[in-house]
Amino acid sequence: MYNPLYVSGAAVGMILVYYKIGGKRMRDPERIERIMSMVQQLWKQEPDMRFFQLMAVLESRYSKDNNAFGRRELFEKEESRGSFFTYNIVDLFYLEDDKLETFLVSFLAEHQAKKDSINE
């Protein structure tokens, strides 16, 4: 199926495997299932939360924990008054999946520990 090109170590004991298909380097396709599984676990712990609410929480928390990574300040002009106002968004377009995966492992463990302490 996929031929590993090289392996490198990462935080929390993960191994990042890169593949070469047709001469082109690509990310480990197995990461998709790992990441989606963690998102699913989080969502099942908070079933009343809508999917994009969960995504917004994760984006905000990642940015907060990582020196405001992805935070953007935008300006919009209000035509009727001719004035500008600012608002902030978090844009994780450039976040690499290995960093997201490391964050999700940590976030999931922290979230579970909080739920366990409440249930005691």
PDB file of N, CA and C in Angstrom:
ATOM      1  N   MET A   1       0.827  -1.185   0.000  1.00  0.00           N
ATOM      2  CA  MET A   1       0.000   0.000   0.000  1.00  0.00           C
ATOM      3  C   MET A   1       0.871   1.248   0.000  1.00  0.00           C
ATOM      4  N   TYR A   2       1.351   1.710   1.180  1.00  0.00           N
ATOM      5  CA  TYR A   2       2.217   2.870   1.274  1.00  0.00           C
ATOM      6  C   TYR A   2       3.609   2.413   1.685  1.00  0.00           C
ATOM      7  N   ASN A   3       4.619   3.013   1.140  1.00  0.00           N
ATOM      8  CA  ASN A   3       5.989   2.693   1.497  1.00  0.00           C
ATOM      9  C   ASN A   3       6.560   3.812   2.352  1.00  0.00           C
ATOM     10  N   PRO A   4       6.944   3.510   3.599  1.00  0.00           N
ATOM     11  CA  PRO A   4       7.500   4.569   4.445  1.00  0.00           C
ATOM     12  C   PRO A   4       8.775   5.145   3.835  1.00  0.00           C
ATOM     13  N   LEU A   5       8.867   6.467   3.847  1.00  0.00           N
ATOM     14  CA  LEU A   5      10.054   7.152   3.367  1.00  0.00           C
ATOM     15  C   LEU A   5      11.015   7.373   4.518  1.00  0.00           C
ATOM     16  N   TYR A   6      10.547   7.937   5.602  1.00  0.00           N
ATOM     17  CA  TYR A   6      11.353   8.083   6.803  1.00  0.00           C
ATOM     18  C   TYR A   6      10.455   8.275   8.002  1.00  0.00           C
ATOM     19  N   VAL A   7      11.029   8.067   9.167  1.00  0.00           N
ATOM     20  CA  VAL A   7      10.295   8.154  10.418  1.00  0.00           C
ATOM     21  C   VAL A   7      11.002   9.159  11.303  1.00  0.00           C
ATOM     22  N   SER A   8      10.240   9.999  11.983  1.00  0.00           N
ATOM     23  CA  SER A   8      10.844  10.936  12.927  1.00  0.00           C
ATOM     24  C   SER A   8      10.042  10.917  14.215  1.00  0.00           C
ATOM     25  N   GLY A   9      10.698  11.154  15.338  1.00  0.00           N
ATOM     26  CA  GLY A   9      10.032  11.170  16.632  1.00  0.00           C
ATOM     27  C   GLY A   9       9.314  12.481  16.865  1.00  0.00           C
ATOM     28  N   ALA A  10       8.334  12.464  17.751  1.00  0.00           N
ATOM     29  CA  ALA A  10       7.592  13.680  18.084  1.00  0.00           C
ATOM     30  C   ALA A  10       7.197  13.625  19.551  1.00  0.00           C
ATOM     31  N   ALA A  11       6.555  14.683  20.023  1.00  0.00           N
ATOM     32  CA  ALA A  11       6.142  14.770  21.421  1.00  0.00           C
ATOM     33  C   ALA A  11       5.143  13.675  21.766  1.00  0.00           C
ATOM     34  N   VAL A  12       4.961  13.448  23.031  1.00  0.00           N
ATOM     35  CA  VAL A  12       4.066  12.450  23.619  1.00  0.00           C
ATOM     36  C   VAL A  12       4.165  11.081  22.966  1.00  0.00           C
ATOM     37  N   GLY A  13       5.365  10.691  22.569  1.00  0.00           N
ATOM     38  CA  GLY A  13       5.605   9.342  22.084  1.00  0.00           C
ATOM     39  C   GLY A  13       5.055   9.027  20.709  1.00  0.00           C
ATOM     40  N   MET A  14       4.593  10.007  19.973  1.00  0.00           N
ATOM     41  CA  MET A  14       4.079   9.731  18.630  1.00  0.00           C
ATOM     42  C   MET A  14       5.235   9.568  17.660  1.00  0.00           C
ATOM     43  N   ILE A  15       4.990   8.822  16.626  1.00  0.00           N
ATOM     44  CA  ILE A  15       5.966   8.664  15.546  1.00  0.00           C
ATOM     45  C   ILE A  15       5.328   9.185  14.278  1.00  0.00           C
ATOM     46  N   LEU A  16       6.016  10.101  13.641  1.00  0.00           N
ATOM     47  CA  LEU A  16       5.525  10.647  12.382  1.00  0.00           C
ATOM     48  C   LEU A  16       6.169   9.859  11.252  1.00  0.00           C
ATOM     49  N   VAL A  17       5.357   9.294  10.407  1.00  0.00           N
ATOM     50  CA  VAL A  17       5.851   8.520   9.278  1.00  0.00           C
ATOM     51  C   VAL A  17       5.464   9.251   8.008  1.00  0.00           C
ATOM     52  N   TYR A  18       6.446   9.491   7.172  1.00  0.00           N
ATOM     53  CA  TYR A  18       6.181  10.132   5.887  1.00  0.00           C
ATOM     54  C   TYR A  18       6.327   9.076   4.802  1.00  0.00           C
ATOM     55  N   TYR A  19       5.548   9.209   3.757  1.00  0.00           N
ATOM     56  CA  TYR A  19       5.499   8.222   2.697  1.00  0.00           C
ATOM     57  C   TYR A  19       5.909   8.838   1.380  1.00  0.00           C
ATOM     58  N   LYS A  20       6.330   7.969   0.497  1.00  0.00           N
ATOM     59  CA  LYS A  20       6.673   8.402  -0.848  1.00  0.00           C
ATOM     60  C   LYS A  20       5.820   7.586  -1.807  1.00  0.00           C
ATOM     61  N   ILE A  21       4.972   8.281  -2.554  1.00  0.00           N
ATOM     62  CA  ILE A  21       4.108   7.623  -3.524  1.00  0.00           C
ATOM     63  C   ILE A  21       4.367   8.264  -4.871  1.00  0.00           C
ATOM     64  N   GLY A  22       4.778   7.457  -5.814  1.00  0.00           N
ATOM     65  CA  GLY A  22       5.069   7.980  -7.143  1.00  0.00           C
ATOM     66  C   GLY A  22       6.122   9.067  -7.118  1.00  0.00           C
ATOM     67  N   GLY A  23       7.112   8.950  -6.234  1.00  0.00           N
ATOM     68  CA  GLY A  23       8.176   9.933  -6.154  1.00  0.00           C
ATOM     69  C   GLY A  23       7.815  11.177  -5.361  1.00  0.00           C
ATOM     70  N   LYS A  24       6.587  11.269  -4.843  1.00  0.00           N
ATOM     71  CA  LYS A  24       6.147  12.453  -4.114  1.00  0.00           C
ATOM     72  C   LYS A  24       6.015  12.139  -2.632  1.00  0.00           C
ATOM     73  N   ARG A  25       6.590  12.990  -1.775  1.00  0.00           N
ATOM     74  CA  ARG A  25       6.482  12.828  -0.323  1.00  0.00           C
ATOM     75  C   ARG A  25       5.088  13.262   0.110  1.00  0.00           C
ATOM     76  N   MET A  26       4.478  12.480   1.000  1.00  0.00           N
ATOM     77  CA  MET A  26       3.167  12.855   1.531  1.00  0.00           C
ATOM     78  C   MET A  26       3.095  12.531   3.014  1.00  0.00           C
ATOM     79  N   ARG A  27       2.132  13.122   3.674  1.00  0.00           N
ATOM     80  CA  ARG A  27       1.938  12.876   5.097  1.00  0.00           C
ATOM     81  C   ARG A  27       1.347  11.486   5.312  1.00  0.00           C
ATOM     82  N   ASP A  28       1.546  10.996   6.518  1.00  0.00           N
ATOM     83  CA  ASP A  28       1.046   9.679   6.914  1.00  0.00           C
ATOM     84  C   ASP A  28      -0.483   9.643   6.800  1.00  0.00           C
ATOM     85  N   PRO A  29      -1.024   8.827   5.912  1.00  0.00           N
ATOM     86  CA  PRO A  29      -2.479   8.776   5.774  1.00  0.00           C
ATOM     87  C   PRO A  29      -3.185   8.221   7.022  1.00  0.00           C
ATOM     88  N   GLU A  30      -2.471   7.512   7.874  1.00  0.00           N
ATOM     89  CA  GLU A  30      -3.059   6.963   9.098  1.00  0.00           C
ATOM     90  C   GLU A  30      -3.407   8.062  10.100  1.00  0.00           C
ATOM     91  N   ARG A  31      -2.824   9.245   9.933  1.00  0.00           N
ATOM     92  CA  ARG A  31      -3.085  10.349  10.858  1.00  0.00           C
ATOM     93  C   ARG A  31      -4.563  10.743  10.842  1.00  0.00           C
ATOM     94  N   ILE A  32      -5.208  10.566   9.705  1.00  0.00           N
ATOM     95  CA  ILE A  32      -6.601  10.985   9.562  1.00  0.00           C
ATOM     96  C   ILE A  32      -7.476  10.248  10.569  1.00  0.00           C
ATOM     97  N   GLU A  33      -7.324   8.957  10.631  1.00  0.00           N
ATOM     98  CA  GLU A  33      -8.126   8.169  11.571  1.00  0.00           C
ATOM     99  C   GLU A  33      -7.784   8.500  13.017  1.00  0.00           C
ATOM    100  N   ARG A  34      -6.481   8.701  13.308  1.00  0.00           N
ATOM    101  CA  ARG A  34      -6.090   9.043  14.685  1.00  0.00           C
ATOM    102  C   ARG A  34      -6.714  10.366  15.121  1.00  0.00           C
ATOM    103  N   ILE A  35      -6.617  11.379  14.265  1.00  0.00           N
ATOM    104  CA  ILE A  35      -7.149  12.705  14.603  1.00  0.00           C
ATOM    105  C   ILE A  35      -8.666  12.661  14.717  1.00  0.00           C
ATOM    106  N   MET A  36      -9.313  12.054  13.748  1.00  0.00           N
ATOM    107  CA  MET A  36     -10.780  12.011  13.771  1.00  0.00           C
ATOM    108  C   MET A  36     -11.295  11.206  14.970  1.00  0.00           C
ATOM    109  N   SER A  37     -10.578  10.188  15.363  1.00  0.00           N
ATOM    110  CA  SER A  37     -10.965   9.400  16.528  1.00  0.00           C
ATOM    111  C   SER A  37     -10.934  10.254  17.796  1.00  0.00           C
ATOM    112  N   MET A  38      -9.912  11.089  17.922  1.00  0.00           N
ATOM    113  CA  MET A  38      -9.834  11.954  19.104  1.00  0.00           C
ATOM    114  C   MET A  38     -10.941  13.006  19.092  1.00  0.00           C
ATOM    115  N   VAL A  39     -11.224  13.575  17.925  1.00  0.00           N
ATOM    116  CA  VAL A  39     -12.324  14.542  17.819  1.00  0.00           C
ATOM    117  C   VAL A  39     -13.640  13.860  18.193  1.00  0.00           C
ATOM    118  N   GLN A  40     -13.827  12.640  17.720  1.00  0.00           N
ATOM    119  CA  GLN A  40     -15.042  11.893  18.040  1.00  0.00           C
ATOM    120  C   GLN A  40     -15.149  11.644  19.543  1.00  0.00           C
ATOM    121  N   GLN A  41     -14.040  11.270  20.186  1.00  0.00           N
ATOM    122  CA  GLN A  41     -14.059  11.044  21.629  1.00  0.00           C
ATOM    123  C   GLN A  41     -14.467  12.307  22.384  1.00  0.00           C
ATOM    124  N   LEU A  42     -13.889  13.438  21.977  1.00  0.00           N
ATOM    125  CA  LEU A  42     -14.239  14.705  22.621  1.00  0.00           C
ATOM    126  C   LEU A  42     -15.709  15.044  22.428  1.00  0.00           C
ATOM    127  N   TRP A  43     -16.180  14.873  21.210  1.00  0.00           N
ATOM    128  CA  TRP A  43     -17.572  15.215  20.906  1.00  0.00           C
ATOM    129  C   TRP A  43     -18.532  14.321  21.689  1.00  0.00           C
ATOM    130  N   LYS A  44     -18.207  13.033  21.828  1.00  0.00           N
ATOM    131  CA  LYS A  44     -19.064  12.122  22.590  1.00  0.00           C
ATOM    132  C   LYS A  44     -19.106  12.488  24.068  1.00  0.00           C
ATOM    133  N   GLN A  45     -18.044  13.114  24.560  1.00  0.00           N
ATOM    134  CA  GLN A  45     -18.042  13.566  25.949  1.00  0.00           C
ATOM    135  C   GLN A  45     -18.893  14.822  26.130  1.00  0.00           C
ATOM    136  N   GLU A  46     -19.152  15.530  25.040  1.00  0.00           N
ATOM    137  CA  GLU A  46     -19.959  16.761  25.067  1.00  0.00           C
ATOM    138  C   GLU A  46     -21.039  16.683  23.982  1.00  0.00           C
ATOM    139  N   PRO A  47     -21.970  15.743  24.089  1.00  0.00           N
ATOM    140  CA  PRO A  47     -22.921  15.499  23.007  1.00  0.00           C
ATOM    141  C   PRO A  47     -23.893  16.644  22.719  1.00  0.00           C
ATOM    142  N   ASP A  48     -24.078  17.561  23.667  1.00  0.00           N
ATOM    143  CA  ASP A  48     -24.967  18.698  23.414  1.00  0.00           C
ATOM    144  C   ASP A  48     -24.290  19.796  22.598  1.00  0.00           C
ATOM    145  N   MET A  49     -22.992  19.695  22.446  1.00  0.00           N
ATOM    146  CA  MET A  49     -22.259  20.697  21.685  1.00  0.00           C
ATOM    147  C   MET A  49     -22.390  20.409  20.188  1.00  0.00           C
ATOM    148  N   ARG A  50     -22.644  21.458  19.413  1.00  0.00           N
ATOM    149  CA  ARG A  50     -22.666  21.292  17.954  1.00  0.00           C
ATOM    150  C   ARG A  50     -21.236  21.148  17.454  1.00  0.00           C
ATOM    151  N   PHE A  51     -21.072  20.514  16.287  1.00  0.00           N
ATOM    152  CA  PHE A  51     -19.740  20.220  15.756  1.00  0.00           C
ATOM    153  C   PHE A  51     -18.877  21.474  15.638  1.00  0.00           C
ATOM    154  N   PHE A  52     -19.401  22.533  15.043  1.00  0.00           N
ATOM    155  CA  PHE A  52     -18.577  23.721  14.854  1.00  0.00           C
ATOM    156  C   PHE A  52     -18.360  24.495  16.155  1.00  0.00           C
ATOM    157  N   GLN A  53     -19.199  24.276  17.140  1.00  0.00           N
ATOM    158  CA  GLN A  53     -18.893  24.818  18.466  1.00  0.00           C
ATOM    159  C   GLN A  53     -17.646  24.124  19.006  1.00  0.00           C
ATOM    160  N   LEU A  54     -17.597  22.805  18.863  1.00  0.00           N
ATOM    161  CA  LEU A  54     -16.424  22.053  19.295  1.00  0.00           C
ATOM    162  C   LEU A  54     -15.179  22.524  18.551  1.00  0.00           C
ATOM    163  N   MET A  55     -15.296  22.714  17.249  1.00  0.00           N
ATOM    164  CA  MET A  55     -14.144  23.175  16.458  1.00  0.00           C
ATOM    165  C   MET A  55     -13.685  24.556  16.924  1.00  0.00           C
ATOM    166  N   ALA A  56     -14.643  25.440  17.228  1.00  0.00           N
ATOM    167  CA  ALA A  56     -14.289  26.780  17.700  1.00  0.00           C
ATOM    168  C   ALA A  56     -13.567  26.718  19.046  1.00  0.00           C
ATOM    169  N   VAL A  57     -14.030  25.841  19.938  1.00  0.00           N
ATOM    170  CA  VAL A  57     -13.369  25.669  21.233  1.00  0.00           C
ATOM    171  C   VAL A  57     -11.943  25.177  21.028  1.00  0.00           C
ATOM    172  N   LEU A  58     -11.758  24.176  20.171  1.00  0.00           N
ATOM    173  CA  LEU A  58     -10.430  23.629  19.923  1.00  0.00           C
ATOM    174  C   LEU A  58      -9.505  24.662  19.283  1.00  0.00           C
ATOM    175  N   GLU A  59     -10.013  25.410  18.304  1.00  0.00           N
ATOM    176  CA  GLU A  59      -9.201  26.460  17.667  1.00  0.00           C
ATOM    177  C   GLU A  59      -8.751  27.507  18.680  1.00  0.00           C
ATOM    178  N   SER A  60      -9.714  27.984  19.454  1.00  0.00           N
ATOM    179  CA  SER A  60      -9.408  29.020  20.431  1.00  0.00           C
ATOM    180  C   SER A  60      -8.383  28.534  21.453  1.00  0.00           C
ATOM    181  N   ARG A  61      -8.588  27.336  21.946  1.00  0.00           N
ATOM    182  CA  ARG A  61      -7.681  26.777  22.954  1.00  0.00           C
ATOM    183  C   ARG A  61      -6.292  26.540  22.373  1.00  0.00           C
ATOM    184  N   TYR A  62      -6.224  26.021  21.140  1.00  0.00           N
ATOM    185  CA  TYR A  62      -4.912  25.804  20.529  1.00  0.00           C
ATOM    186  C   TYR A  62      -4.173  27.130  20.421  1.00  0.00           C
ATOM    187  N   SER A  63      -4.855  28.143  19.934  1.00  0.00           N
ATOM    188  CA  SER A  63      -4.237  29.455  19.764  1.00  0.00           C
ATOM    189  C   SER A  63      -3.766  30.009  21.105  1.00  0.00           C
ATOM    190  N   LYS A  64      -4.621  29.913  22.109  1.00  0.00           N
ATOM    191  CA  LYS A  64      -4.273  30.418  23.448  1.00  0.00           C
ATOM    192  C   LYS A  64      -3.049  29.707  24.012  1.00  0.00           C
ATOM    193  N   ASP A  65      -2.988  28.397  23.851  1.00  0.00           N
ATOM    194  CA  ASP A  65      -1.883  27.600  24.394  1.00  0.00           C
ATOM    195  C   ASP A  65      -0.599  27.714  23.587  1.00  0.00           C
ATOM    196  N   ASN A  66      -0.663  28.298  22.398  1.00  0.00           N
ATOM    197  CA  ASN A  66       0.493  28.331  21.495  1.00  0.00           C
ATOM    198  C   ASN A  66       0.788  29.747  20.999  1.00  0.00           C
ATOM    199  N   ASN A  67       0.925  30.657  21.958  1.00  0.00           N
ATOM    200  CA  ASN A  67       1.377  32.010  21.661  1.00  0.00           C
ATOM    201  C   ASN A  67       0.533  32.710  20.594  1.00  0.00           C
ATOM    202  N   ALA A  68      -0.772  32.557  20.678  1.00  0.00           N
ATOM    203  CA  ALA A  68      -1.736  33.195  19.764  1.00  0.00           C
ATOM    204  C   ALA A  68      -1.550  32.752  18.311  1.00  0.00           C
ATOM    205  N   PHE A  69      -1.096  31.527  18.113  1.00  0.00           N
ATOM    206  CA  PHE A  69      -0.933  31.008  16.758  1.00  0.00           C
ATOM    207  C   PHE A  69      -2.258  31.105  16.009  1.00  0.00           C
ATOM    208  N   GLY A  70      -2.218  31.637  14.813  1.00  0.00           N
ATOM    209  CA  GLY A  70      -3.394  31.715  13.966  1.00  0.00           C
ATOM    210  C   GLY A  70      -4.336  32.867  14.265  1.00  0.00           C
ATOM    211  N   ARG A  71      -4.072  33.632  15.323  1.00  0.00           N
ATOM    212  CA  ARG A  71      -4.967  34.737  15.664  1.00  0.00           C
ATOM    213  C   ARG A  71      -4.759  35.876  14.668  1.00  0.00           C
ATOM    214  N   ARG A  72      -5.868  36.359  14.143  1.00  0.00           N
ATOM    215  CA  ARG A  72      -5.837  37.446  13.164  1.00  0.00           C
ATOM    216  C   ARG A  72      -6.772  38.564  13.630  1.00  0.00           C
ATOM    217  N   GLU A  73      -6.302  39.798  13.495  1.00  0.00           N
ATOM    218  CA  GLU A  73      -7.147  40.944  13.790  1.00  0.00           C
ATOM    219  C   GLU A  73      -7.611  41.517  12.457  1.00  0.00           C
ATOM    220  N   LEU A  74      -8.907  41.605  12.292  1.00  0.00           N
ATOM    221  CA  LEU A  74      -9.482  42.098  11.048  1.00  0.00           C
ATOM    222  C   LEU A  74     -10.161  43.443  11.282  1.00  0.00           C
ATOM    223  N   PHE A  75     -10.221  44.218  10.242  1.00  0.00           N
ATOM    224  CA  PHE A  75     -10.853  45.524  10.297  1.00  0.00           C
ATOM    225  C   PHE A  75     -11.987  45.545   9.281  1.00  0.00           C
ATOM    226  N   GLU A  76     -13.100  46.099   9.703  1.00  0.00           N
ATOM    227  CA  GLU A  76     -14.238  46.209   8.797  1.00  0.00           C
ATOM    228  C   GLU A  76     -14.769  47.635   8.848  1.00  0.00           C
ATOM    229  N   LYS A  77     -15.089  48.151   7.691  1.00  0.00           N
ATOM    230  CA  LYS A  77     -15.589  49.523   7.621  1.00  0.00           C
ATOM    231  C   LYS A  77     -17.111  49.509   7.674  1.00  0.00           C
ATOM    232  N   GLU A  78     -17.640  50.349   8.559  1.00  0.00           N
ATOM    233  CA  GLU A  78     -19.085  50.518   8.634  1.00  0.00           C
ATOM    234  C   GLU A  78     -19.439  51.672   7.700  1.00  0.00           C
ATOM    235  N   GLU A  79     -20.045  51.336   6.588  1.00  0.00           N
ATOM    236  CA  GLU A  79     -20.302  52.313   5.524  1.00  0.00           C
ATOM    237  C   GLU A  79     -21.126  53.509   5.979  1.00  0.00           C
ATOM    238  N   SER A  80     -22.157  53.272   6.774  1.00  0.00           N
ATOM    239  CA  SER A  80     -23.059  54.371   7.148  1.00  0.00           C
ATOM    240  C   SER A  80     -22.347  55.457   7.957  1.00  0.00           C
ATOM    241  N   ARG A  81     -21.362  55.056   8.761  1.00  0.00           N
ATOM    242  CA  ARG A  81     -20.648  56.021   9.594  1.00  0.00           C
ATOM    243  C   ARG A  81     -19.254  56.329   9.056  1.00  0.00           C
ATOM    244  N   GLY A  82     -18.775  55.500   8.161  1.00  0.00           N
ATOM    245  CA  GLY A  82     -17.416  55.684   7.657  1.00  0.00           C
ATOM    246  C   GLY A  82     -16.346  55.332   8.670  1.00  0.00           C
ATOM    247  N   SER A  83     -16.718  54.572   9.699  1.00  0.00           N
ATOM    248  CA  SER A  83     -15.747  54.198  10.729  1.00  0.00           C
ATOM    249  C   SER A  83     -15.371  52.718  10.591  1.00  0.00           C
ATOM    250  N   PHE A  84     -14.242  52.397  11.200  1.00  0.00           N
ATOM    251  CA  PHE A  84     -13.746  51.028  11.180  1.00  0.00           C
ATOM    252  C   PHE A  84     -13.913  50.405  12.562  1.00  0.00           C
ATOM    253  N   PHE A  85     -14.157  49.113  12.594  1.00  0.00           N
ATOM    254  CA  PHE A  85     -14.117  48.390  13.848  1.00  0.00           C
ATOM    255  C   PHE A  85     -13.302  47.120  13.635  1.00  0.00           C
ATOM    256  N   THR A  86     -12.743  46.623  14.717  1.00  0.00           N
ATOM    257  CA  THR A  86     -11.879  45.447  14.634  1.00  0.00           C
ATOM    258  C   THR A  86     -12.570  44.244  15.260  1.00  0.00           C
ATOM    259  N   TYR A  87     -12.182  43.094  14.801  1.00  0.00           N
ATOM    260  CA  TYR A  87     -12.598  41.842  15.422  1.00  0.00           C
ATOM    261  C   TYR A  87     -11.503  40.814  15.186  1.00  0.00           C
ATOM    262  N   ASN A  88     -11.474  39.802  16.033  1.00  0.00           N
ATOM    263  CA  ASN A  88     -10.438  38.778  15.978  1.00  0.00           C
ATOM    264  C   ASN A  88     -11.027  37.448  15.537  1.00  0.00           C
ATOM    265  N   ILE A  89     -10.232  36.711  14.796  1.00  0.00           N
ATOM    266  CA  ILE A  89     -10.585  35.345  14.422  1.00  0.00           C
ATOM    267  C   ILE A  89      -9.363  34.463  14.667  1.00  0.00           C
ATOM    268  N   VAL A  90      -9.567  33.163  14.672  1.00  0.00           N
ATOM    269  CA  VAL A  90      -8.461  32.203  14.723  1.00  0.00           C
ATOM    270  C   VAL A  90      -8.501  31.423  13.417  1.00  0.00           C
ATOM    271  N   ASP A  91      -7.392  31.428  12.717  1.00  0.00           N
ATOM    272  CA  ASP A  91      -7.268  30.752  11.425  1.00  0.00           C
ATOM    273  C   ASP A  91      -6.124  29.749  11.517  1.00  0.00           C
ATOM    274  N   LEU A  92      -6.465  28.468  11.573  1.00  0.00           N
ATOM    275  CA  LEU A  92      -5.442  27.423  11.730  1.00  0.00           C
ATOM    276  C   LEU A  92      -5.078  26.756  10.402  1.00  0.00           C
ATOM    277  N   PHE A  93      -5.236  27.463   9.302  1.00  0.00           N
ATOM    278  CA  PHE A  93      -4.966  26.916   7.972  1.00  0.00           C
ATOM    279  C   PHE A  93      -3.561  26.331   7.870  1.00  0.00           C
ATOM    280  N   TYR A  94      -2.580  26.977   8.481  1.00  0.00           N
ATOM    281  CA  TYR A  94      -1.182  26.543   8.354  1.00  0.00           C
ATOM    282  C   TYR A  94      -0.722  25.615   9.470  1.00  0.00           C
ATOM    283  N   LEU A  95      -1.621  25.199  10.337  1.00  0.00           N
ATOM    284  CA  LEU A  95      -1.262  24.285  11.418  1.00  0.00           C
ATOM    285  C   LEU A  95      -1.029  22.888  10.850  1.00  0.00           C
ATOM    286  N   GLU A  96       0.143  22.338  11.100  1.00  0.00           N
ATOM    287  CA  GLU A  96       0.454  20.989  10.628  1.00  0.00           C
ATOM    288  C   GLU A  96      -0.267  19.954  11.490  1.00  0.00           C
ATOM    289  N   ASP A  97      -0.662  18.864  10.865  1.00  0.00           N
ATOM    290  CA  ASP A  97      -1.442  17.830  11.547  1.00  0.00           C
ATOM    291  C   ASP A  97      -0.711  17.212  12.730  1.00  0.00           C
ATOM    292  N   ASP A  98       0.616  17.093  12.661  1.00  0.00           N
ATOM    293  CA  ASP A  98       1.335  16.503  13.789  1.00  0.00           C
ATOM    294  C   ASP A  98       1.213  17.385  15.029  1.00  0.00           C
ATOM    295  N   LYS A  99       1.201  18.691  14.846  1.00  0.00           N
ATOM    296  CA  LYS A  99       1.019  19.596  15.982  1.00  0.00           C
ATOM    297  C   LYS A  99      -0.416  19.519  16.509  1.00  0.00           C
ATOM    298  N   LEU A 100      -1.374  19.416  15.621  1.00  0.00           N
ATOM    299  CA  LEU A 100      -2.773  19.245  16.033  1.00  0.00           C
ATOM    300  C   LEU A 100      -2.935  17.948  16.807  1.00  0.00           C
ATOM    301  N   GLU A 101      -2.334  16.895  16.313  1.00  0.00           N
ATOM    302  CA  GLU A 101      -2.460  15.592  16.974  1.00  0.00           C
ATOM    303  C   GLU A 101      -1.877  15.627  18.383  1.00  0.00           C
ATOM    304  N   THR A 102      -0.714  16.240  18.531  1.00  0.00           N
ATOM    305  CA  THR A 102      -0.097  16.384  19.850  1.00  0.00           C
ATOM    306  C   THR A 102      -1.008  17.174  20.782  1.00  0.00           C
ATOM    307  N   PHE A 103      -1.568  18.268  20.276  1.00  0.00           N
ATOM    308  CA  PHE A 103      -2.491  19.088  21.058  1.00  0.00           C
ATOM    309  C   PHE A 103      -3.719  18.283  21.469  1.00  0.00           C
ATOM    310  N   LEU A 104      -4.305  17.534  20.536  1.00  0.00           N
ATOM    311  CA  LEU A 104      -5.519  16.771  20.839  1.00  0.00           C
ATOM    312  C   LEU A 104      -5.272  15.702  21.896  1.00  0.00           C
ATOM    313  N   VAL A 105      -4.116  15.047  21.845  1.00  0.00           N
ATOM    314  CA  VAL A 105      -3.776  14.046  22.863  1.00  0.00           C
ATOM    315  C   VAL A 105      -3.777  14.712  24.242  1.00  0.00           C
ATOM    316  N   SER A 106      -3.126  15.863  24.336  1.00  0.00           N
ATOM    317  CA  SER A 106      -3.039  16.586  25.596  1.00  0.00           C
ATOM    318  C   SER A 106      -4.407  17.112  26.039  1.00  0.00           C
ATOM    319  N   PHE A 107      -5.151  17.695  25.108  1.00  0.00           N
ATOM    320  CA  PHE A 107      -6.467  18.254  25.416  1.00  0.00           C
ATOM    321  C   PHE A 107      -7.421  17.162  25.881  1.00  0.00           C
ATOM    322  N   LEU A 108      -7.398  16.029  25.207  1.00  0.00           N
ATOM    323  CA  LEU A 108      -8.275  14.918  25.564  1.00  0.00           C
ATOM    324  C   LEU A 108      -7.951  14.400  26.963  1.00  0.00           C
ATOM    325  N   ALA A 109      -6.663  14.258  27.276  1.00  0.00           N
ATOM    326  CA  ALA A 109      -6.263  13.791  28.608  1.00  0.00           C
ATOM    327  C   ALA A 109      -6.696  14.788  29.682  1.00  0.00           C
ATOM    328  N   GLU A 110      -6.506  16.083  29.419  1.00  0.00           N
ATOM    329  CA  GLU A 110      -6.912  17.114  30.373  1.00  0.00           C
ATOM    330  C   GLU A 110      -8.429  17.130  30.555  1.00  0.00           C
ATOM    331  N   HIS A 111      -9.151  17.025  29.463  1.00  0.00           N
ATOM    332  CA  HIS A 111     -10.615  17.033  29.511  1.00  0.00           C
ATOM    333  C   HIS A 111     -11.129  15.826  30.293  1.00  0.00           C
ATOM    334  N   GLN A 112     -10.529  14.670  30.072  1.00  0.00           N
ATOM    335  CA  GLN A 112     -10.940  13.460  30.778  1.00  0.00           C
ATOM    336  C   GLN A 112     -10.635  13.568  32.268  1.00  0.00           C
ATOM    337  N   ALA A 113      -9.479  14.122  32.603  1.00  0.00           N
ATOM    338  CA  ALA A 113      -9.104  14.284  34.017  1.00  0.00           C
ATOM    339  C   ALA A 113     -10.093  15.204  34.730  1.00  0.00           C
ATOM    340  N   LYS A 114     -10.519  16.282  34.063  1.00  0.00           N
ATOM    341  CA  LYS A 114     -11.505  17.191  34.663  1.00  0.00           C
ATOM    342  C   LYS A 114     -12.834  16.480  34.878  1.00  0.00           C
ATOM    343  N   LYS A 115     -13.264  15.699  33.882  1.00  0.00           N
ATOM    344  CA  LYS A 115     -14.535  14.963  34.015  1.00  0.00           C
ATOM    345  C   LYS A 115     -14.436  13.942  35.152  1.00  0.00           C
ATOM    346  N   ASP A 116     -13.278  13.274  35.259  1.00  0.00           N
ATOM    347  CA  ASP A 116     -13.089  12.282  36.331  1.00  0.00           C
ATOM    348  C   ASP A 116     -13.134  12.929  37.709  1.00  0.00           C
ATOM    349  N   SER A 117     -12.520  14.113  37.840  1.00  0.00           N
ATOM    350  CA  SER A 117     -12.510  14.783  39.143  1.00  0.00           C
ATOM    351  C   SER A 117     -13.910  15.263  39.537  1.00  0.00           C
ATOM    352  N   ILE A 118     -14.722  15.615  38.562  1.00  0.00           N
ATOM    353  CA  ILE A 118     -16.104  16.036  38.839  1.00  0.00           C
ATOM    354  C   ILE A 118     -16.943  14.857  39.300  1.00  0.00           C
ATOM    355  N   ASN A 119     -16.679  13.683  38.720  1.00  0.00           N
ATOM    356  CA  ASN A 119     -17.454  12.484  39.031  1.00  0.00           C
ATOM    357  C   ASN A 119     -17.050  11.832  40.352  1.00  0.00           C
ATOM    358  N   GLU A 120     -15.963  12.282  40.964  1.00  0.00           N
ATOM    359  CA  GLU A 120     -15.517  11.675  42.224  1.00  0.00           C
ATOM    360  C   GLU A 120     -16.288  12.168  43.408  1.00  0.00           C
TER     361      GLU A 120
END
